Amino acid sequence: MINSKVWGSKNSIKQLLKLNKDADWEFLTAAMDIVDDASEAIANVQQFGLSGPTKYDDVGEKHLRLYSLLSETYI
């Protein structure tokens, strides 16, 4: 949604998104990256489950995948 608003416009990003400071754009892009990473992690768990795409049945890996899933869901 943000990219579609910004691309193809002659106005600056700050004007288009009504940002207060130049650093706000950097904050916004970092937030978009975090949400994208979280979406990929959730999709991976949906595809492979807590066991993951591994040949080992390791409780530690399952714990990390579950912790990651809960963290990404929170984000």
PDB file of N, CA and C in Angstrom:
ATOM      1  N   MET A   1       0.822  -1.175   0.000  1.00  0.00           N
ATOM      2  CA  MET A   1       0.000   0.000   0.000  1.00  0.00           C
ATOM      3  C   MET A   1       0.879   1.257   0.000  1.00  0.00           C
ATOM      4  N   ILE A   2       1.915   1.245   0.828  1.00  0.00           N
ATOM      5  CA  ILE A   2       2.808   2.405   0.890  1.00  0.00           C
ATOM      6  C   ILE A   2       3.581   2.542  -0.408  1.00  0.00           C
ATOM      7  N   ASN A   3       4.116   1.421  -0.911  1.00  0.00           N
ATOM      8  CA  ASN A   3       4.875   1.474  -2.157  1.00  0.00           C
ATOM      9  C   ASN A   3       4.023   1.963  -3.316  1.00  0.00           C
ATOM     10  N   SER A   4       2.777   1.538  -3.394  1.00  0.00           N
ATOM     11  CA  SER A   4       1.915   1.965  -4.497  1.00  0.00           C
ATOM     12  C   SER A   4       1.618   3.459  -4.423  1.00  0.00           C
ATOM     13  N   LYS A   5       1.589   4.002  -3.226  1.00  0.00           N
ATOM     14  CA  LYS A   5       1.339   5.441  -3.070  1.00  0.00           C
ATOM     15  C   LYS A   5       2.583   6.248  -3.446  1.00  0.00           C
ATOM     16  N   VAL A   6       3.770   5.708  -3.146  1.00  0.00           N
ATOM     17  CA  VAL A   6       5.017   6.433  -3.350  1.00  0.00           C
ATOM     18  C   VAL A   6       5.498   6.346  -4.796  1.00  0.00           C
ATOM     19  N   TRP A   7       5.407   5.172  -5.385  1.00  0.00           N
ATOM     20  CA  TRP A   7       5.933   4.966  -6.743  1.00  0.00           C
ATOM     21  C   TRP A   7       5.084   5.719  -7.765  1.00  0.00           C
ATOM     22  N   GLY A   8       5.744   6.341  -8.692  1.00  0.00           N
ATOM     23  CA  GLY A   8       5.042   7.018  -9.776  1.00  0.00           C
ATOM     24  C   GLY A   8       4.539   8.399  -9.429  1.00  0.00           C
ATOM     25  N   SER A   9       4.957   8.939  -8.323  1.00  0.00           N
ATOM     26  CA  SER A   9       4.520  10.281  -7.947  1.00  0.00           C
ATOM     27  C   SER A   9       5.698  11.241  -8.030  1.00  0.00           C
ATOM     28  N   LYS A  10       5.399  12.472  -8.351  1.00  0.00           N
ATOM     29  CA  LYS A  10       6.453  13.491  -8.439  1.00  0.00           C
ATOM     30  C   LYS A  10       6.718  14.154  -7.089  1.00  0.00           C
ATOM     31  N   ASN A  11       5.824  13.962  -6.133  1.00  0.00           N
ATOM     32  CA  ASN A  11       6.008  14.545  -4.804  1.00  0.00           C
ATOM     33  C   ASN A  11       7.008  13.720  -4.001  1.00  0.00           C
ATOM     34  N   SER A  12       7.579  14.330  -2.995  1.00  0.00           N
ATOM     35  CA  SER A  12       8.526  13.618  -2.137  1.00  0.00           C
ATOM     36  C   SER A  12       7.783  12.640  -1.226  1.00  0.00           C
ATOM     37  N   ILE A  13       8.504  11.661  -0.739  1.00  0.00           N
ATOM     38  CA  ILE A  13       7.927  10.675   0.174  1.00  0.00           C
ATOM     39  C   ILE A  13       7.378  11.370   1.416  1.00  0.00           C
ATOM     40  N   LYS A  14       8.124  12.341   1.901  1.00  0.00           N
ATOM     41  CA  LYS A  14       7.714  13.067   3.101  1.00  0.00           C
ATOM     42  C   LYS A  14       6.368  13.753   2.885  1.00  0.00           C
ATOM     43  N   GLN A  15       6.172  14.342   1.708  1.00  0.00           N
ATOM     44  CA  GLN A  15       4.904  15.007   1.407  1.00  0.00           C
ATOM     45  C   GLN A  15       3.774  13.991   1.223  1.00  0.00           C
ATOM     46  N   LEU A  16       4.054  12.918   0.480  1.00  0.00           N
ATOM     47  CA  LEU A  16       3.017  11.931   0.189  1.00  0.00           C
ATOM     48  C   LEU A  16       2.470  11.258   1.444  1.00  0.00           C
ATOM     49  N   LEU A  17       3.380  10.905   2.338  1.00  0.00           N
ATOM     50  CA  LEU A  17       2.976  10.179   3.540  1.00  0.00           C
ATOM     51  C   LEU A  17       2.778  11.087   4.746  1.00  0.00           C
ATOM     52  N   LYS A  18       2.948  12.385   4.517  1.00  0.00           N
ATOM     53  CA  LYS A  18       2.780  13.378   5.584  1.00  0.00           C
ATOM     54  C   LYS A  18       3.659  13.055   6.794  1.00  0.00           C
ATOM     55  N   LEU A  19       4.940  12.812   6.500  1.00  0.00           N
ATOM     56  CA  LEU A  19       5.904  12.496   7.556  1.00  0.00           C
ATOM     57  C   LEU A  19       6.409  13.784   8.194  1.00  0.00           C
ATOM     58  N   ASN A  20       6.700  13.726   9.474  1.00  0.00           N
ATOM     59  CA  ASN A  20       7.173  14.903  10.193  1.00  0.00           C
ATOM     60  C   ASN A  20       8.666  15.133  10.018  1.00  0.00           C
ATOM     61  N   LYS A  21       9.439  14.039   9.990  1.00  0.00           N
ATOM     62  CA  LYS A  21      10.902  14.135   9.904  1.00  0.00           C
ATOM     63  C   LYS A  21      11.399  13.201   8.810  1.00  0.00           C
ATOM     64  N   ASP A  22      12.594  13.468   8.301  1.00  0.00           N
ATOM     65  CA  ASP A  22      13.192  12.597   7.295  1.00  0.00           C
ATOM     66  C   ASP A  22      13.429  11.193   7.857  1.00  0.00           C
ATOM     67  N   ALA A  23      13.740  11.108   9.143  1.00  0.00           N
ATOM     68  CA  ALA A  23      14.015   9.816   9.772  1.00  0.00           C
ATOM     69  C   ALA A  23      12.761   8.944   9.871  1.00  0.00           C
ATOM     70  N   ASP A  24      11.586   9.545   9.744  1.00  0.00           N
ATOM     71  CA  ASP A  24      10.343   8.768   9.807  1.00  0.00           C
ATOM     72  C   ASP A  24      10.265   7.751   8.675  1.00  0.00           C
ATOM     73  N   TRP A  25      10.782   8.116   7.490  1.00  0.00           N
ATOM     74  CA  TRP A  25      10.777   7.188   6.364  1.00  0.00           C
ATOM     75  C   TRP A  25      11.643   5.971   6.677  1.00  0.00           C
ATOM     76  N   GLU A  26      12.791   6.186   7.281  1.00  0.00           N
ATOM     77  CA  GLU A  26      13.669   5.071   7.653  1.00  0.00           C
ATOM     78  C   GLU A  26      12.982   4.169   8.679  1.00  0.00           C
ATOM     79  N   PHE A  27      12.298   4.752   9.621  1.00  0.00           N
ATOM     80  CA  PHE A  27      11.549   3.982  10.611  1.00  0.00           C
ATOM     81  C   PHE A  27      10.459   3.155   9.930  1.00  0.00           C
ATOM     82  N   LEU A  28       9.762   3.765   8.996  1.00  0.00           N
ATOM     83  CA  LEU A  28       8.676   3.090   8.289  1.00  0.00           C
ATOM     84  C   LEU A  28       9.203   1.923   7.453  1.00  0.00           C
ATOM     85  N   THR A  29      10.313   2.106   6.746  1.00  0.00           N
ATOM     86  CA  THR A  29      10.859   1.012   5.937  1.00  0.00           C
ATOM     87  C   THR A  29      11.364  -0.124   6.822  1.00  0.00           C
ATOM     88  N   ALA A  30      11.944   0.201   7.967  1.00  0.00           N
ATOM     89  CA  ALA A  30      12.379  -0.844   8.899  1.00  0.00           C
ATOM     90  C   ALA A  30      11.174  -1.630   9.407  1.00  0.00           C
ATOM     91  N   ALA A  31      10.092  -0.930   9.713  1.00  0.00           N
ATOM     92  CA  ALA A  31       8.876  -1.597  10.179  1.00  0.00           C
ATOM     93  C   ALA A  31       8.297  -2.503   9.092  1.00  0.00           C
ATOM     94  N   MET A  32       8.325  -2.044   7.841  1.00  0.00           N
ATOM     95  CA  MET A  32       7.819  -2.876   6.737  1.00  0.00           C
ATOM     96  C   MET A  32       8.680  -4.130   6.569  1.00  0.00           C
ATOM     97  N   ASP A  33       9.991  -4.007   6.728  1.00  0.00           N
ATOM     98  CA  ASP A  33      10.884  -5.169   6.649  1.00  0.00           C
ATOM     99  C   ASP A  33      10.584  -6.170   7.757  1.00  0.00           C
ATOM    100  N   ILE A  34      10.335  -5.675   8.954  1.00  0.00           N
ATOM    101  CA  ILE A  34      10.035  -6.556  10.093  1.00  0.00           C
ATOM    102  C   ILE A  34       8.736  -7.313   9.855  1.00  0.00           C
ATOM    103  N   VAL A  35       7.723  -6.622   9.363  1.00  0.00           N
ATOM    104  CA  VAL A  35       6.441  -7.273   9.083  1.00  0.00           C
ATOM    105  C   VAL A  35       6.599  -8.306   7.966  1.00  0.00           C
ATOM    106  N   ASP A  36       7.392  -7.994   6.961  1.00  0.00           N
ATOM    107  CA  ASP A  36       7.637  -8.942   5.866  1.00  0.00           C
ATOM    108  C   ASP A  36       8.345 -10.197   6.380  1.00  0.00           C
ATOM    109  N   ASP A  37       9.366 -10.013   7.212  1.00  0.00           N
ATOM    110  CA  ASP A  37      10.080 -11.159   7.795  1.00  0.00           C
ATOM    111  C   ASP A  37       9.147 -11.997   8.661  1.00  0.00           C
ATOM    112  N   ALA A  38       8.294 -11.336   9.438  1.00  0.00           N
ATOM    113  CA  ALA A  38       7.347 -12.057  10.291  1.00  0.00           C
ATOM    114  C   ALA A  38       6.376 -12.876   9.445  1.00  0.00           C
ATOM    115  N   SER A  39       5.913 -12.308   8.350  1.00  0.00           N
ATOM    116  CA  SER A  39       4.992 -13.023   7.467  1.00  0.00           C
ATOM    117  C   SER A  39       5.645 -14.259   6.868  1.00  0.00           C
ATOM    118  N   GLU A  40       6.909 -14.133   6.478  1.00  0.00           N
ATOM    119  CA  GLU A  40       7.630 -15.285   5.921  1.00  0.00           C
ATOM    120  C   GLU A  40       7.828 -16.379   6.967  1.00  0.00           C
ATOM    121  N   ALA A  41       8.139 -15.994   8.193  1.00  0.00           N
ATOM    122  CA  ALA A  41       8.335 -16.981   9.262  1.00  0.00           C
ATOM    123  C   ALA A  41       7.039 -17.721   9.561  1.00  0.00           C
ATOM    124  N   ILE A  42       5.938 -16.989   9.605  1.00  0.00           N
ATOM    125  CA  ILE A  42       4.638 -17.619   9.864  1.00  0.00           C
ATOM    126  C   ILE A  42       4.275 -18.564   8.723  1.00  0.00           C
ATOM    127  N   ALA A  43       4.517 -18.154   7.485  1.00  0.00           N
ATOM    128  CA  ALA A  43       4.224 -19.008   6.333  1.00  0.00           C
ATOM    129  C   ALA A  43       5.063 -20.283   6.371  1.00  0.00           C
ATOM    130  N   ASN A  44       6.314 -20.171   6.814  1.00  0.00           N
ATOM    131  CA  ASN A  44       7.185 -21.340   6.906  1.00  0.00           C
ATOM    132  C   ASN A  44       6.654 -22.340   7.923  1.00  0.00           C
ATOM    133  N   VAL A  45       6.202 -21.864   9.072  1.00  0.00           N
ATOM    134  CA  VAL A  45       5.641 -22.758  10.091  1.00  0.00           C
ATOM    135  C   VAL A  45       4.333 -23.365   9.589  1.00  0.00           C
ATOM    136  N   GLN A  46       3.543 -22.597   8.865  1.00  0.00           N
ATOM    137  CA  GLN A  46       2.310 -23.148   8.303  1.00  0.00           C
ATOM    138  C   GLN A  46       2.615 -24.259   7.298  1.00  0.00           C
ATOM    139  N   GLN A  47       3.676 -24.081   6.529  1.00  0.00           N
ATOM    140  CA  GLN A  47       4.030 -25.070   5.518  1.00  0.00           C
ATOM    141  C   GLN A  47       4.651 -26.323   6.116  1.00  0.00           C
ATOM    142  N   PHE A  48       5.582 -26.156   7.067  1.00  0.00           N
ATOM    143  CA  PHE A  48       6.361 -27.281   7.574  1.00  0.00           C
ATOM    144  C   PHE A  48       6.002 -27.716   8.992  1.00  0.00           C
ATOM    145  N   GLY A  49       5.190 -26.932   9.699  1.00  0.00           N
ATOM    146  CA  GLY A  49       4.864 -27.271  11.074  1.00  0.00           C
ATOM    147  C   GLY A  49       6.019 -26.949  12.008  1.00  0.00           C
ATOM    148  N   LEU A  50       5.868 -27.319  13.273  1.00  0.00           N
ATOM    149  CA  LEU A  50       6.912 -27.016  14.253  1.00  0.00           C
ATOM    150  C   LEU A  50       8.145 -27.881  14.063  1.00  0.00           C
ATOM    151  N   SER A  51       8.015 -29.002  13.399  1.00  0.00           N
ATOM    152  CA  SER A  51       9.173 -29.870  13.169  1.00  0.00           C
ATOM    153  C   SER A  51      10.124 -29.276  12.149  1.00  0.00           C
ATOM    154  N   GLY A  52       9.614 -28.500  11.230  1.00  0.00           N
ATOM    155  CA  GLY A  52      10.453 -27.875  10.218  1.00  0.00           C
ATOM    156  C   GLY A  52      10.865 -28.847   9.138  1.00  0.00           C
ATOM    157  N   PRO A  53      11.527 -28.344   8.108  1.00  0.00           N
ATOM    158  CA  PRO A  53      11.957 -29.188   6.993  1.00  0.00           C
ATOM    159  C   PRO A  53      13.295 -29.865   7.299  1.00  0.00           C
ATOM    160  N   THR A  54      13.343 -30.637   8.352  1.00  0.00           N
ATOM    161  CA  THR A  54      14.595 -31.270   8.755  1.00  0.00           C
ATOM    162  C   THR A  54      14.369 -32.750   8.990  1.00  0.00           C
ATOM    163  N   LYS A  55      15.434 -33.511   8.914  1.00  0.00           N
ATOM    164  CA  LYS A  55      15.311 -34.957   9.139  1.00  0.00           C
ATOM    165  C   LYS A  55      15.480 -35.311  10.615  1.00  0.00           C
ATOM    166  N   TYR A  56      15.780 -34.331  11.452  1.00  0.00           N
ATOM    167  CA  TYR A  56      16.003 -34.577  12.875  1.00  0.00           C
ATOM    168  C   TYR A  56      14.761 -34.242  13.683  1.00  0.00           C
ATOM    169  N   ASP A  57      14.473 -35.033  14.689  1.00  0.00           N
ATOM    170  CA  ASP A  57      13.356 -34.769  15.595  1.00  0.00           C
ATOM    171  C   ASP A  57      13.944 -34.157  16.864  1.00  0.00           C
ATOM    172  N   ASP A  58      14.248 -32.873  16.791  1.00  0.00           N
ATOM    173  CA  ASP A  58      14.960 -32.196  17.867  1.00  0.00           C
ATOM    174  C   ASP A  58      14.019 -31.260  18.620  1.00  0.00           C
ATOM    175  N   VAL A  59      13.908 -31.455  19.933  1.00  0.00           N
ATOM    176  CA  VAL A  59      13.035 -30.626  20.762  1.00  0.00           C
ATOM    177  C   VAL A  59      13.512 -29.172  20.772  1.00  0.00           C
ATOM    178  N   GLY A  60      14.822 -28.956  20.765  1.00  0.00           N
ATOM    179  CA  GLY A  60      15.360 -27.595  20.775  1.00  0.00           C
ATOM    180  C   GLY A  60      14.946 -26.816  19.543  1.00  0.00           C
ATOM    181  N   GLU A  61      14.984 -27.462  18.381  1.00  0.00           N
ATOM    182  CA  GLU A  61      14.576 -26.780  17.152  1.00  0.00           C
ATOM    183  C   GLU A  61      13.081 -26.470  17.186  1.00  0.00           C
ATOM    184  N   LYS A  62      12.294 -27.405  17.678  1.00  0.00           N
ATOM    185  CA  LYS A  62      10.854 -27.168  17.782  1.00  0.00           C
ATOM    186  C   LYS A  62      10.579 -25.998  18.725  1.00  0.00           C
ATOM    187  N   HIS A  63      11.334 -25.943  19.811  1.00  0.00           N
ATOM    188  CA  HIS A  63      11.169 -24.843  20.762  1.00  0.00           C
ATOM    189  C   HIS A  63      11.484 -23.508  20.092  1.00  0.00           C
ATOM    190  N   LEU A  64      12.579 -23.452  19.341  1.00  0.00           N
ATOM    191  CA  LEU A  64      12.947 -22.215  18.663  1.00  0.00           C
ATOM    192  C   LEU A  64      11.907 -21.809  17.618  1.00  0.00           C
ATOM    193  N   ARG A  65      11.400 -22.801  16.891  1.00  0.00           N
ATOM    194  CA  ARG A  65      10.388 -22.496  15.878  1.00  0.00           C
ATOM    195  C   ARG A  65       9.096 -21.997  16.539  1.00  0.00           C
ATOM    196  N   LEU A  66       8.708 -22.598  17.653  1.00  0.00           N
ATOM    197  CA  LEU A  66       7.514 -22.154  18.370  1.00  0.00           C
ATOM    198  C   LEU A  66       7.723 -20.754  18.942  1.00  0.00           C
ATOM    199  N   TYR A  67       8.877 -20.519  19.551  1.00  0.00           N
ATOM    200  CA  TYR A  67       9.180 -19.200  20.102  1.00  0.00           C
ATOM    201  C   TYR A  67       9.156 -18.151  18.994  1.00  0.00           C
ATOM    202  N   SER A  68       9.742 -18.496  17.851  1.00  0.00           N
ATOM    203  CA  SER A  68       9.760 -17.583  16.714  1.00  0.00           C
ATOM    204  C   SER A  68       8.350 -17.311  16.218  1.00  0.00           C
ATOM    205  N   LEU A  69       7.533 -18.356  16.118  1.00  0.00           N
ATOM    206  CA  LEU A  69       6.156 -18.189  15.664  1.00  0.00           C
ATOM    207  C   LEU A  69       5.379 -17.257  16.593  1.00  0.00           C
ATOM    208  N   LEU A  70       5.521 -17.459  17.891  1.00  0.00           N
ATOM    209  CA  LEU A  70       4.819 -16.609  18.852  1.00  0.00           C
ATOM    210  C   LEU A  70       5.316 -15.165  18.776  1.00  0.00           C
ATOM    211  N   SER A  71       6.616 -15.009  18.629  1.00  0.00           N
ATOM    212  CA  SER A  71       7.198 -13.664  18.509  1.00  0.00           C
ATOM    213  C   SER A  71       6.713 -12.980  17.240  1.00  0.00           C
ATOM    214  N   GLU A  72       6.734 -13.696  16.129  1.00  0.00           N
ATOM    215  CA  GLU A  72       6.299 -13.116  14.855  1.00  0.00           C
ATOM    216  C   GLU A  72       4.807 -12.804  14.881  1.00  0.00           C
ATOM    217  N   THR A  73       4.019 -13.638  15.544  1.00  0.00           N
ATOM    218  CA  THR A  73       2.587 -13.373  15.660  1.00  0.00           C
ATOM    219  C   THR A  73       2.352 -12.096  16.464  1.00  0.00           C
ATOM    220  N   TYR A  74       3.145 -11.899  17.509  1.00  0.00           N
ATOM    221  CA  TYR A  74       3.045 -10.691  18.324  1.00  0.00           C
ATOM    222  C   TYR A  74       3.362  -9.456  17.468  1.00  0.00           C
ATOM    223  N   ILE A  75       4.399  -9.571  16.651  1.00  0.00           N
ATOM    224  CA  ILE A  75       4.798  -8.441  15.767  1.00  0.00           C
ATOM    225  C   ILE A  75       3.673  -8.147  14.812  1.00  0.00           C
TER     226      ILE A  75
END
